[in-house]
């Protein structure tokens, strides 16, 4: 009995969607400035909005790349 190609593709797509993302489970939600620097990164401060509405601090590079710095 032959399996239809589109049925096989649909089964593979569903199995890929069911797998949990690995990166989200491994990295912490936020890091301290010393953790960012110790992990080989640097802290990047970016303005949010206009007229001094606020700013964000992110760790760029190293182990904690892309994480919020608290």
C-alpha atoms as a PDB file:
ATOM      1  CA  UNK A   1       0.000   0.000   0.000  1.00  0.00           C
ATOM      2  CA  UNK A   2       1.408   3.385  -1.006  1.00  0.00           C
ATOM      3  CA  UNK A   3       1.192   6.385   1.300  1.00  0.00           C
ATOM      4  CA  UNK A   4       0.109   9.624  -0.332  1.00  0.00           C
ATOM      5  CA  UNK A   5       2.958  12.194  -0.427  1.00  0.00           C
ATOM      6  CA  UNK A   6       0.776  15.009   0.908  1.00  0.00           C
ATOM      7  CA  UNK A   7      -0.237  12.878   3.906  1.00  0.00           C
ATOM      8  CA  UNK A   8       3.409  12.280   4.776  1.00  0.00           C
ATOM      9  CA  UNK A   9       4.229  15.991   4.467  1.00  0.00           C
ATOM     10  CA  UNK A  10       1.246  16.914   6.662  1.00  0.00           C
ATOM     11  CA  UNK A  11       2.346  14.417   9.326  1.00  0.00           C
ATOM     12  CA  UNK A  12       5.893  15.830   9.345  1.00  0.00           C
ATOM     13  CA  UNK A  13       4.599  19.398   9.605  1.00  0.00           C
ATOM     14  CA  UNK A  14       2.374  18.516  12.563  1.00  0.00           C
ATOM     15  CA  UNK A  15       5.206  16.771  14.381  1.00  0.00           C
ATOM     16  CA  UNK A  16       7.471  19.808  13.872  1.00  0.00           C
ATOM     17  CA  UNK A  17       4.805  22.138  15.276  1.00  0.00           C
ATOM     18  CA  UNK A  18       4.293  19.922  18.320  1.00  0.00           C
ATOM     19  CA  UNK A  19       7.969  20.124  19.359  1.00  0.00           C
ATOM     20  CA  UNK A  20       8.622  22.734  22.093  1.00  0.00           C
ATOM     21  CA  UNK A  21      11.129  25.513  21.324  1.00  0.00           C
ATOM     22  CA  UNK A  22      14.506  24.638  22.833  1.00  0.00           C
ATOM     23  CA  UNK A  23      15.933  28.171  23.075  1.00  0.00           C
ATOM     24  CA  UNK A  24      13.117  29.542  25.247  1.00  0.00           C
ATOM     25  CA  UNK A  25      13.578  26.808  27.840  1.00  0.00           C
ATOM     26  CA  UNK A  26      17.363  27.183  28.112  1.00  0.00           C
ATOM     27  CA  UNK A  27      17.883  30.935  28.521  1.00  0.00           C
ATOM     28  CA  UNK A  28      16.873  32.885  31.630  1.00  0.00           C
ATOM     29  CA  UNK A  29      14.132  35.527  31.422  1.00  0.00           C
ATOM     30  CA  UNK A  30      16.467  38.353  32.425  1.00  0.00           C
ATOM     31  CA  UNK A  31      20.032  38.838  33.610  1.00  0.00           C
ATOM     32  CA  UNK A  32      21.930  41.220  35.838  1.00  0.00           C
ATOM     33  CA  UNK A  33      24.543  43.578  34.366  1.00  0.00           C
ATOM     34  CA  UNK A  34      27.369  41.526  35.886  1.00  0.00           C
ATOM     35  CA  UNK A  35      25.964  38.283  34.412  1.00  0.00           C
ATOM     36  CA  UNK A  36      25.773  39.911  30.966  1.00  0.00           C
ATOM     37  CA  UNK A  37      29.374  41.108  31.077  1.00  0.00           C
ATOM     38  CA  UNK A  38      30.669  37.871  32.640  1.00  0.00           C
ATOM     39  CA  UNK A  39      28.964  35.942  29.821  1.00  0.00           C
ATOM     40  CA  UNK A  40      30.918  37.890  27.211  1.00  0.00           C
ATOM     41  CA  UNK A  41      28.204  40.383  26.271  1.00  0.00           C
ATOM     42  CA  UNK A  42      27.775  44.121  26.461  1.00  0.00           C
ATOM     43  CA  UNK A  43      24.792  46.163  27.665  1.00  0.00           C
ATOM     44  CA  UNK A  44      22.974  48.156  24.976  1.00  0.00           C
ATOM     45  CA  UNK A  45      20.636  50.923  26.157  1.00  0.00           C
ATOM     46  CA  UNK A  46      17.941  51.994  23.680  1.00  0.00           C
ATOM     47  CA  UNK A  47      15.460  54.874  23.930  1.00  0.00           C
ATOM     48  CA  UNK A  48      11.757  53.978  23.807  1.00  0.00           C
ATOM     49  CA  UNK A  49       9.264  56.438  22.332  1.00  0.00           C
ATOM     50  CA  UNK A  50       9.804  60.168  22.040  1.00  0.00           C
ATOM     51  CA  UNK A  51      10.666  62.853  24.557  1.00  0.00           C
ATOM     52  CA  UNK A  52      12.244  60.641  27.207  1.00  0.00           C
ATOM     53  CA  UNK A  53       9.392  58.135  27.546  1.00  0.00           C
ATOM     54  CA  UNK A  54      11.858  55.527  28.785  1.00  0.00           C
ATOM     55  CA  UNK A  55      14.574  53.133  27.754  1.00  0.00           C
ATOM     56  CA  UNK A  56      15.367  49.419  27.536  1.00  0.00           C
ATOM     57  CA  UNK A  57      18.569  47.604  28.455  1.00  0.00           C
ATOM     58  CA  UNK A  58      19.512  44.443  26.560  1.00  0.00           C
ATOM     59  CA  UNK A  59      22.493  42.126  26.703  1.00  0.00           C
ATOM     60  CA  UNK A  60      24.044  41.822  23.228  1.00  0.00           C
ATOM     61  CA  UNK A  61      26.471  39.022  22.431  1.00  0.00           C
ATOM     62  CA  UNK A  62      27.864  36.318  24.655  1.00  0.00           C
ATOM     63  CA  UNK A  63      25.916  33.706  26.554  1.00  0.00           C
ATOM     64  CA  UNK A  64      22.917  35.927  27.379  1.00  0.00           C
ATOM     65  CA  UNK A  65      22.432  37.465  23.904  1.00  0.00           C
ATOM     66  CA  UNK A  66      19.087  39.257  23.564  1.00  0.00           C
ATOM     67  CA  UNK A  67      18.078  38.994  27.225  1.00  0.00           C
ATOM     68  CA  UNK A  68      16.725  41.927  29.217  1.00  0.00           C
ATOM     69  CA  UNK A  69      19.172  43.430  31.713  1.00  0.00           C
ATOM     70  CA  UNK A  70      17.576  44.276  35.081  1.00  0.00           C
END
